[in-house]
Each structure stands twice: as structure tokens, then as C-alpha cells.
């Protein structure tokens, strides 16, 4: 019944459309938004889990139990969607990482002159394609909740691309599944699954085209230092490369746990006047979220001082670099030549244990790295070679329902 096809793609290096579906939600909220394109540990972890789900090879997760659990849930969810087609005896093809294009006759050109198919295009994780009915499954391995499927522009774009690809389709059901969120089955069905009909296409395509058109107008305005299209009352700024130069950035507050909230300045932010939990939450969000803006503005000022000859009077540009030990043996030998006994030098020398763990992991066979690191850490602790330092505490918001906001989350 199922004719499964997998298109082999390198998801880490494939080119992204300049108006990619994943960025359109942010562009709708603020046309001046420009993705920061930063590579964080969270994005690397997400890519790894996507790859493990696509290939169904859990060994590449190297024994990370949390990732293995998430990938297992994702595979089971995909299997359940496919099984529904089998149960209803609907002939279908399963496609993974296939490109879906909207406006295939209208190529786009990026800033480097590269040509891309359509006004937008993207690669959903899985497409289950029948003759008149299809399902799209896209996995989200992050901890920040995504926009519900009915209003999720990324999912809408995928559905439009599939309707354009297959003229006989009458309905496309879009599924977003985020295993780390621990949504209930009811929330999953109600919020993160939505069926789009072919009759919806004109309105949906108008919405997508409007977002892209406004984004292009905003880019032209920003190039002229005109920020009238910017809408900084949204937390997009946390991920926007323009937050350090946007003229309206001082008016926003970034809420890291939910999308598209308007500016909220707490009535009390002085620490000695906090007397209720809601005041603590408001003051924390205000300080934590403005921190990102302040860092970006400071970096923009530094860049201006160095590259644009705009160093103001009374300021200096400081260049610093953290020294790293590349050879412990050489350090000890040189210290001894300068009169410091080796034993004393060893006591003073600080080597990040995580760097040693990385080196040990690299010596392990595929799939055994994490286990080898755990065994190394356990032996160090058992022999008193390492001890846990004095614990310190910091406040942050729960990233997902799996993290209880009451009590203290212990991370070692």
C-alpha cells in the first residue's frame, strides 16, 4: 500500500530560500525582521535529532537518553500518521525532506545572486501523499512552543506547495510534533494538527505573498535607514540580526517564552520593592529580555567605532583574547624553568574537564562516546579526582511544560 521514497539531502548544508517558510511567521510580525543565522548548541542538537528521526538511526545520538526518547516519540508519531492512511486503505507515497515550492514559475534571487525556486520553498520532514489527500509532518525539537498549525505560516506554506505540486489534492493535513514539549494528546490534536482545503488556497496564498512583499519593501526601506516598517513590540528581536541598529528597538521588550507579545514594562523593577511573585516575574522578564537588546546595541557601537571611524571622545576600543592552554606538558616545563615546582604548578593549573571529556569521546567507537564520557566522569568522582564545587543559583523561566516551575531544577 505504501510506496516510500526518501530524498537524500544534507540538511546541514543545503541552501535556504531567502524567504524561507521558517522565517515568514517572524516577517509577518515585523516586516523588517532579518534572521540572525547563528549556530547555537540548541540548533545543532535539533539538527542531530532531525537526522536521527529521518534515518531512524539512534546510534548517532551517542547514548543521549533525552534525545533518544524524543526521537523515538517522533518516529512513533510519524508511523501513526502513515498507519492512518493504511487503515483507511488510501494508496500513498511517503516522501522525506522533499522540496515544496510556492509560485514555481517565479524564481527568487538572493543577495549573493543565487537563484531559488518560487517565491518561497522549504523542506518539511515528512509528506504522506495520496491522490486526493495528504499529510505533512514537521518535527520541532526545540523547547519554545511553536505557533498552532491553523495559523502557522510555515505549515501553511508547505500546504500551498503541496497543493501546487499535486493538482488532484483536495485536502492537506499539517502536523507539528514537538516531543520535548510534552503536549497532551488533546492539545496535539486541537492545536498542532490542522486540515487545509483546496478552497483555502487563494486566501492562504494571498497571506503568504503579502508577508513576502512587505518584507521586501521593509528591506529596501532599511537600506535607506528608514525603519518605519519595523514593529519591535514583538519578541522577534531576540533572533533578529538588526536589533543592534533598529531605530525602534528601545521601545520593545523581548519575551523569551512566547511569541508576539506587546511591550510590557513592569510597574516595579527595583529589587528592594519586589514583594509578590508576579512582580518578580515581570521584573525578571524586563531585565532578562532587555539584556539581549543592550548586548546587540553595544556590539553595534563597537562595530561603528572600529569600522566606521565613529569612536566618540572619551571612549577607547579594547582588544582582549582569552588565553587557552594547548599543551599542559609545555606549561609545566616552562613553569619549572621559572622556579615553580611541577607539583605546585599542577595544583594551580586549571584545565576545563569538559575539554578532556571531548577528547575522550573522540577516541570512542561510533555510538559509544557518551557512555565512555559517563564512565570517565564516574571514575573521577569515585576516586576523588573531581568534586562538585559550591552550588550557585539563578532564575530563568521554564522553557517547556516538562520543566516544573515550582521547586529547583538541579543540573550537574
Protein backbone atom coordinates (compact mmCIF):
# COMPACT_ATOMS: atom_id res chain seq x y z
CA UNK A 1 0.00 0.00 0.00
CA UNK A 2 2.87 2.37 0.83
CA UNK A 3 5.47 3.29 -1.75
CA UNK A 4 8.06 5.04 0.43
CA UNK A 5 10.61 7.37 -1.12
CA UNK A 6 13.40 9.17 0.70
CA UNK A 7 15.24 12.01 -0.98
CA UNK A 8 18.77 12.13 0.41
CA UNK A 9 19.63 15.70 1.35
CA UNK A 10 22.30 17.22 3.55
CA UNK A 11 20.05 19.27 5.81
CA UNK A 12 23.01 20.97 7.46
CA UNK A 13 24.41 22.46 4.25
CA UNK A 14 21.53 22.74 1.77
CA UNK A 15 20.70 26.25 0.65
CA UNK A 16 17.75 28.05 2.19
CA UNK A 17 15.36 30.19 0.20
CA UNK A 18 15.87 33.90 1.09
CA UNK A 19 12.17 33.96 2.04
CA UNK A 20 12.13 30.54 3.66
CA UNK A 21 8.89 29.29 5.25
CA UNK A 22 10.52 29.05 8.68
CA UNK A 23 11.13 32.83 8.76
CA UNK A 24 7.77 34.03 7.46
CA UNK A 25 6.00 33.94 10.84
CA UNK A 26 8.56 36.40 12.15
CA UNK A 27 8.37 38.52 8.99
CA UNK A 28 4.61 38.75 9.34
CA UNK A 29 5.00 40.10 12.86
CA UNK A 30 7.77 42.51 11.82
CA UNK A 31 8.48 43.06 8.10
CA UNK A 32 11.96 44.38 8.98
CA UNK A 33 12.94 41.10 10.64
CA UNK A 34 16.15 39.51 9.39
CA UNK A 35 17.24 36.13 10.68
CA UNK A 36 20.42 36.26 12.74
CA UNK A 37 21.66 32.92 11.30
CA UNK A 38 23.51 31.99 14.43
CA UNK A 39 24.55 28.43 15.16
CA UNK A 40 23.71 27.59 18.76
CA UNK A 41 24.06 24.32 20.64
CA UNK A 42 20.26 24.07 20.59
CA UNK A 43 20.19 24.29 16.77
CA UNK A 44 22.95 21.67 16.49
CA UNK A 45 21.05 19.38 18.85
CA UNK A 46 17.88 19.88 16.82
CA UNK A 47 19.66 19.05 13.56
CA UNK A 48 21.07 15.89 15.10
CA UNK A 49 17.65 14.75 16.32
CA UNK A 50 16.08 15.53 12.93
CA UNK A 51 18.75 13.41 11.25
CA UNK A 52 18.22 10.53 13.69
CA UNK A 53 14.47 10.64 13.03
CA UNK A 54 14.91 10.80 9.26
CA UNK A 55 17.40 7.91 9.16
CA UNK A 56 15.89 6.08 12.16
CA UNK A 57 19.42 5.60 13.43
CA UNK A 58 19.53 6.32 17.15
CA UNK A 59 23.22 5.42 17.38
CA UNK A 60 24.19 8.88 16.12
CA UNK A 61 22.72 10.28 19.36
CA UNK A 62 25.58 8.58 21.24
CA UNK A 63 23.56 7.41 24.19
CA UNK A 64 21.83 10.72 25.00
CA UNK A 65 18.73 9.34 26.68
CA UNK A 66 16.71 12.55 26.39
CA UNK A 67 17.35 12.76 22.65
CA UNK A 68 16.68 9.06 22.16
CA UNK A 69 13.32 9.41 23.92
CA UNK A 70 12.38 12.43 21.77
CA UNK A 71 13.37 10.74 18.52
CA UNK A 72 11.54 7.56 19.47
CA UNK A 73 8.38 9.59 20.08
CA UNK A 74 8.81 11.41 16.75
CA UNK A 75 9.20 8.15 14.84
CA UNK A 76 6.15 6.70 16.56
CA UNK A 77 4.11 9.80 15.68
CA UNK A 78 5.14 9.63 12.03
CA UNK A 79 4.30 5.92 11.94
CA UNK A 80 0.85 6.67 13.39
CA UNK A 81 0.12 9.22 10.65
CA UNK A 82 1.19 6.75 7.97
CA UNK A 83 -0.79 3.96 9.63
CA UNK A 84 -3.96 6.03 9.35
CA UNK A 85 -3.59 6.02 5.56
CA UNK A 86 -3.11 2.25 5.64
CA UNK A 87 -6.10 1.82 7.95
CA UNK A 88 -8.31 3.75 5.56
CA UNK A 89 -6.79 1.84 2.62
CA UNK A 90 -5.61 5.01 0.90
CA UNK A 91 -2.79 4.35 -1.60
CA UNK A 92 0.05 6.70 -0.74
CA UNK A 93 3.72 7.55 -1.10
CA UNK A 94 5.92 8.61 1.81
CA UNK A 95 8.41 11.36 0.96
CA UNK A 96 11.04 12.69 3.32
CA UNK A 97 12.83 16.04 3.03
CA UNK A 98 11.25 16.79 -0.35
CA UNK A 99 11.25 20.40 -1.54
CA UNK A 100 7.85 22.10 -1.74
CA UNK A 101 7.68 25.29 -3.82
CA UNK A 102 5.11 28.10 -3.88
CA UNK A 103 4.99 30.09 -7.14
CA UNK A 104 7.28 27.72 -9.01
CA UNK A 105 7.26 29.94 -12.12
CA UNK A 106 8.52 32.96 -10.15
CA UNK A 107 12.19 32.44 -9.21
CA UNK A 108 13.75 34.48 -6.41
CA UNK A 109 17.28 35.91 -6.32
CA UNK A 110 19.18 36.20 -3.04
CA UNK A 111 21.71 38.89 -2.05
CA UNK A 112 24.59 36.83 -3.48
CA UNK A 113 22.85 36.48 -6.85
CA UNK A 114 21.80 32.88 -6.27
CA UNK A 115 18.57 31.76 -7.93
CA UNK A 116 15.92 29.91 -5.91
CA UNK A 117 12.72 28.18 -6.98
CA UNK A 118 9.49 30.06 -6.35
CA UNK A 119 8.57 32.97 -4.13
CA UNK A 120 9.30 30.60 -1.22
CA UNK A 121 10.22 26.97 -0.78
CA UNK A 122 11.07 24.61 2.04
CA UNK A 123 11.60 21.03 3.15
CA UNK A 124 9.05 19.52 5.56
CA UNK A 125 10.28 16.44 7.37
CA UNK A 126 7.68 14.01 6.02
CA UNK A 127 4.95 14.06 3.37
CA UNK A 128 2.40 11.26 3.12
CA UNK A 129 0.94 11.78 -0.34
CA UNK A 130 -2.27 10.19 -1.57
CA UNK A 131 -4.14 11.09 -4.73
CA UNK A 132 -6.70 13.44 -3.18
CA UNK A 133 -5.50 13.61 0.40
CA UNK A 134 -2.10 14.20 2.02
CA UNK A 135 -0.46 14.77 5.39
CA UNK A 136 2.62 16.81 6.26
CA UNK A 137 4.55 16.11 9.45
CA UNK A 138 7.17 18.57 10.68
CA UNK A 139 9.13 17.90 13.85
CA UNK A 140 10.18 20.63 16.27
CA UNK A 141 12.91 19.52 18.66
CA UNK A 142 13.23 22.88 20.41
CA UNK A 143 11.80 23.86 23.77
CA UNK A 144 9.98 27.04 22.73
CA UNK A 145 6.33 26.40 21.71
CA UNK A 146 5.53 26.91 18.04
CA UNK A 147 2.52 28.73 16.60
CA UNK A 148 -0.53 26.41 16.35
CA UNK A 149 -0.94 24.69 12.98
CA UNK A 150 -4.02 26.64 11.84
CA UNK A 151 -2.10 29.92 11.94
CA UNK A 152 1.45 28.64 11.42
CA UNK A 153 2.79 30.30 8.26
CA UNK A 154 5.47 27.64 7.80
CA UNK A 155 2.85 24.89 7.74
CA UNK A 156 0.57 26.99 5.51
CA UNK A 157 3.44 27.44 3.04
CA UNK A 158 4.15 23.70 2.97
CA UNK A 159 0.46 23.00 2.33
CA UNK A 160 0.39 25.55 -0.51
CA UNK A 161 3.47 23.95 -2.06
CA UNK A 162 1.87 20.52 -1.94
CA UNK A 163 -1.40 21.78 -3.44
CA UNK A 164 0.64 23.36 -6.24
CA UNK A 165 2.64 20.17 -6.76
CA UNK A 166 -0.37 17.85 -6.95
CA UNK A 167 -3.44 19.25 -8.74
CA UNK A 168 -5.71 16.39 -7.64
CA UNK A 169 -5.28 17.04 -3.92
CA UNK A 170 -8.40 18.22 -2.08
CA UNK A 171 -7.01 18.41 1.46
CA UNK A 172 -3.66 18.59 3.23
CA UNK A 173 -3.44 17.91 6.96
CA UNK A 174 -0.46 19.62 8.61
CA UNK A 175 1.03 18.17 11.80
CA UNK A 176 3.61 19.81 14.04
CA UNK A 177 5.08 17.47 16.65
CA UNK A 178 7.45 18.66 19.38
CA UNK A 179 8.42 15.74 21.65
CA UNK A 180 10.28 17.89 24.20
CA UNK A 181 7.13 19.94 24.82
CA UNK A 182 5.22 17.00 26.33
CA UNK A 183 1.91 18.24 24.96
CA UNK A 184 -1.14 16.23 25.90
CA UNK A 185 -2.77 14.16 23.15
CA UNK A 186 -5.71 16.56 23.27
CA UNK A 187 -3.51 19.65 22.79
CA UNK A 188 -1.72 17.89 19.96
CA UNK A 189 -4.96 17.20 18.11
CA UNK A 190 -6.59 20.57 18.78
CA UNK A 191 -3.67 22.94 18.35
CA UNK A 192 -0.97 21.29 16.31
CA UNK A 193 -2.94 19.43 13.65
CA UNK A 194 -4.99 21.30 11.05
CA UNK A 195 -6.60 20.30 7.77
CA UNK A 196 -6.30 22.79 4.89
CA UNK A 197 -8.67 22.50 1.91
CA UNK A 198 -8.03 23.44 -1.69
CA UNK A 199 -10.75 26.07 -1.34
CA UNK A 200 -8.50 27.76 1.26
CA UNK A 201 -5.64 28.21 -1.21
CA UNK A 202 -6.46 31.72 -2.58
CA UNK A 203 -6.70 33.29 0.87
CA UNK A 204 -3.63 31.43 2.18
CA UNK A 205 -1.51 32.33 -0.84
CA UNK A 206 -2.56 35.99 -0.55
CA UNK A 207 -1.39 35.96 3.06
CA UNK A 208 1.99 34.45 2.19
CA UNK A 209 2.53 36.76 -0.78
CA UNK A 210 1.60 39.79 1.36
CA UNK A 211 4.14 38.81 4.03
CA UNK A 212 6.90 38.44 1.44
CA UNK A 213 6.01 41.68 -0.37
CA UNK A 214 6.04 43.66 2.89
CA UNK A 215 9.35 42.06 3.83
CA UNK A 216 10.93 43.19 0.55
CA UNK A 217 9.59 46.73 0.96
CA UNK A 218 10.95 46.84 4.52
CA UNK A 219 14.40 45.67 3.35
CA UNK A 220 14.53 48.48 0.81
CA UNK A 221 13.48 50.97 3.48
CA UNK A 222 16.07 49.73 5.97
CA UNK A 223 18.75 50.13 3.30
CA UNK A 224 17.77 53.83 3.26
CA UNK A 225 17.86 53.92 7.08
CA UNK A 226 14.06 54.08 7.13
CA UNK A 227 12.70 51.91 9.97
CA UNK A 228 9.02 52.77 9.54
CA UNK A 229 8.18 49.11 8.79
CA UNK A 230 9.79 47.81 11.97
CA UNK A 231 7.42 46.52 14.61
CA UNK A 232 9.57 45.95 17.70
CA UNK A 233 6.67 45.18 20.02
CA UNK A 234 7.38 41.51 19.31
CA UNK A 235 9.99 39.10 20.60
CA UNK A 236 11.33 38.51 17.09
CA UNK A 237 14.10 40.89 18.07
CA UNK A 238 15.75 38.16 20.10
CA UNK A 239 16.57 36.35 16.83
CA UNK A 240 16.89 39.37 14.53
CA UNK A 241 20.29 40.45 13.20
CA UNK A 242 19.07 44.07 13.06
CA UNK A 243 18.31 44.52 16.76
CA UNK A 244 21.54 46.41 17.30
CA UNK A 245 20.74 49.06 14.69
CA UNK A 246 16.91 49.19 14.57
CA UNK A 247 15.75 52.70 15.49
CA UNK A 248 12.70 51.35 17.30
CA UNK A 249 14.49 48.74 19.37
CA UNK A 250 14.49 50.84 22.55
CA UNK A 251 10.71 50.56 22.70
CA UNK A 252 10.49 46.83 22.95
CA UNK A 253 10.73 44.10 25.48
CA UNK A 254 11.53 40.58 24.40
CA UNK A 255 9.55 37.76 25.98
CA UNK A 256 11.57 34.62 25.62
CA UNK A 257 8.85 32.11 26.40
CA UNK A 258 6.13 33.05 23.93
CA UNK A 259 5.81 34.81 20.56
CA UNK A 260 4.43 38.20 19.58
CA UNK A 261 3.59 39.86 22.88
CA UNK A 262 3.36 43.62 23.08
CA UNK A 263 5.63 45.81 25.19
CA UNK A 264 5.10 45.31 28.91
CA UNK A 265 7.07 47.48 31.33
CA UNK A 266 6.57 46.38 34.95
CA UNK A 267 5.36 48.90 37.48
CA UNK A 268 8.18 47.99 39.84
CA UNK A 269 11.62 46.82 38.78
CA UNK A 270 13.65 47.94 41.80
CA UNK A 271 14.78 44.79 43.57
CA UNK A 272 14.09 46.15 47.04
CA UNK A 273 10.43 46.79 46.19
CA UNK A 274 9.60 43.29 45.00
CA UNK A 275 7.01 41.82 47.32
CA UNK A 276 4.90 39.47 45.15
CA UNK A 277 5.70 36.61 42.73
CA UNK A 278 4.07 38.45 39.82
CA UNK A 279 6.39 41.42 40.42
CA UNK A 280 9.39 39.08 40.41
CA UNK A 281 8.25 37.56 37.09
CA UNK A 282 7.66 40.96 35.46
CA UNK A 283 10.94 42.44 36.67
CA UNK A 284 12.89 39.33 35.65
CA UNK A 285 11.46 39.32 32.12
CA UNK A 286 12.16 43.02 31.75
CA UNK A 287 15.80 42.71 32.82
CA UNK A 288 16.50 39.41 31.06
CA UNK A 289 14.99 40.47 27.78
CA UNK A 290 16.44 43.95 27.62
CA UNK A 291 19.85 42.35 28.22
CA UNK A 292 19.79 40.88 24.72
CA UNK A 293 18.99 44.27 23.21
CA UNK A 294 21.70 46.02 25.22
CA UNK A 295 24.33 43.49 24.12
CA UNK A 296 23.37 43.95 20.48
CA UNK A 297 23.44 47.75 20.76
CA UNK A 298 26.87 47.64 22.44
CA UNK A 299 28.18 45.40 19.67
CA UNK A 300 26.77 47.76 17.04
CA UNK A 301 28.50 50.69 18.76
CA UNK A 302 31.80 48.77 18.84
CA UNK A 303 31.50 47.92 15.14
CA UNK A 304 30.76 51.56 14.33
CA UNK A 305 33.79 52.73 16.30
CA UNK A 306 36.13 50.24 14.61
CA UNK A 307 34.91 50.06 11.02
CA UNK A 308 33.12 53.38 10.51
CA UNK A 309 35.52 55.73 12.29
CA UNK A 310 32.87 56.81 14.77
CA UNK A 311 34.78 56.41 18.06
CA UNK A 312 33.42 59.09 20.39
CA UNK A 313 35.60 61.26 22.61
CA UNK A 314 36.28 59.68 25.96
CA UNK A 315 35.94 56.11 24.66
CA UNK A 316 38.58 53.54 23.75
CA UNK A 317 38.33 50.28 21.87
CA UNK A 318 39.78 47.42 23.91
CA UNK A 319 41.03 44.22 22.34
CA UNK A 320 41.03 41.16 24.61
CA UNK A 321 41.63 37.49 23.99
CA UNK A 322 41.27 34.64 26.45
CA UNK A 323 44.42 32.55 26.72
CA UNK A 324 43.92 28.83 26.25
CA UNK A 325 46.26 26.06 27.33
CA UNK A 326 47.11 23.92 24.31
CA UNK A 327 49.88 21.83 25.91
CA UNK A 328 49.82 21.13 29.64
CA UNK A 329 53.23 19.47 29.35
CA UNK A 330 54.82 22.61 27.89
CA UNK A 331 53.23 24.84 30.51
CA UNK A 332 54.59 22.67 33.32
CA UNK A 333 58.09 22.55 31.82
CA UNK A 334 58.23 26.32 31.34
CA UNK A 335 56.83 26.98 34.84
CA UNK A 336 59.53 24.74 36.32
CA UNK A 337 62.23 26.68 34.43
CA UNK A 338 60.86 29.81 36.05
CA UNK A 339 61.20 28.33 39.53
CA UNK A 340 57.75 26.83 40.11
CA UNK A 341 57.79 23.14 41.15
CA UNK A 342 55.75 20.84 38.93
CA UNK A 343 53.53 19.68 41.81
CA UNK A 344 52.68 23.28 42.70
CA UNK A 345 52.04 24.16 39.06
CA UNK A 346 49.70 21.18 38.68
CA UNK A 347 47.71 22.36 41.69
CA UNK A 348 47.33 25.81 40.15
CA UNK A 349 46.67 24.76 36.58
CA UNK A 350 43.01 24.73 35.64
CA UNK A 351 42.03 22.54 32.71
CA UNK A 352 38.31 22.54 31.79
CA UNK A 353 37.23 18.96 32.40
CA UNK A 354 34.74 19.27 29.55
CA UNK A 355 37.63 19.63 27.09
CA UNK A 356 39.13 16.39 28.36
CA UNK A 357 35.73 14.71 28.05
CA UNK A 358 35.50 15.85 24.44
CA UNK A 359 38.91 14.30 23.75
CA UNK A 360 37.89 11.02 25.40
CA UNK A 361 34.63 10.97 23.47
CA UNK A 362 36.55 11.41 20.21
CA UNK A 363 38.53 8.21 20.94
CA UNK A 364 35.39 6.09 21.34
CA UNK A 365 33.77 3.96 18.67
CA UNK A 366 30.65 5.36 16.99
CA UNK A 367 27.69 5.36 19.33
CA UNK A 368 29.78 4.73 22.47
CA UNK A 369 31.15 8.24 23.09
CA UNK A 370 28.56 9.38 25.63
CA UNK A 371 28.81 6.14 27.60
CA UNK A 372 32.60 6.42 27.71
CA UNK A 373 32.39 10.00 28.99
CA UNK A 374 29.90 8.98 31.69
CA UNK A 375 32.22 6.17 32.83
CA UNK A 376 35.17 8.59 32.92
CA UNK A 377 33.21 11.12 34.99
CA UNK A 378 32.02 8.43 37.39
CA UNK A 379 35.55 7.13 37.97
CA UNK A 380 36.87 10.65 38.55
CA UNK A 381 34.21 11.22 41.21
CA UNK A 382 34.69 7.82 42.86
CA UNK A 383 38.42 8.42 43.24
CA UNK A 384 38.05 11.97 44.48
CA UNK A 385 39.79 13.37 41.40
CA UNK A 386 36.89 15.74 40.87
CA UNK A 387 34.40 17.17 43.31
CA UNK A 388 31.36 19.34 42.75
CA UNK A 389 32.00 22.97 43.61
CA UNK A 390 29.78 25.14 45.72
CA UNK A 391 26.36 25.28 44.04
CA UNK A 392 25.10 28.57 42.70
CA UNK A 393 21.57 29.52 41.78
CA UNK A 394 20.00 31.60 39.04
CA UNK A 395 16.46 32.33 37.96
CA UNK A 396 15.11 31.63 34.49
CA UNK A 397 11.71 30.88 33.03
CA UNK A 398 10.63 27.30 32.41
CA UNK A 399 11.39 26.50 28.77
CA UNK A 400 8.66 23.94 28.32
CA UNK A 401 5.92 22.12 30.27
CA UNK A 402 8.39 19.34 31.08
CA UNK A 403 10.24 21.72 33.41
CA UNK A 404 8.31 22.33 36.58
CA UNK A 405 8.35 25.95 37.62
CA UNK A 406 7.92 25.04 41.29
CA UNK A 407 10.96 23.90 43.27
CA UNK A 408 14.54 23.91 41.98
CA UNK A 409 15.73 22.21 38.79
CA UNK A 410 19.10 20.53 39.50
CA UNK A 411 21.62 20.49 36.66
CA UNK A 412 25.01 18.83 37.25
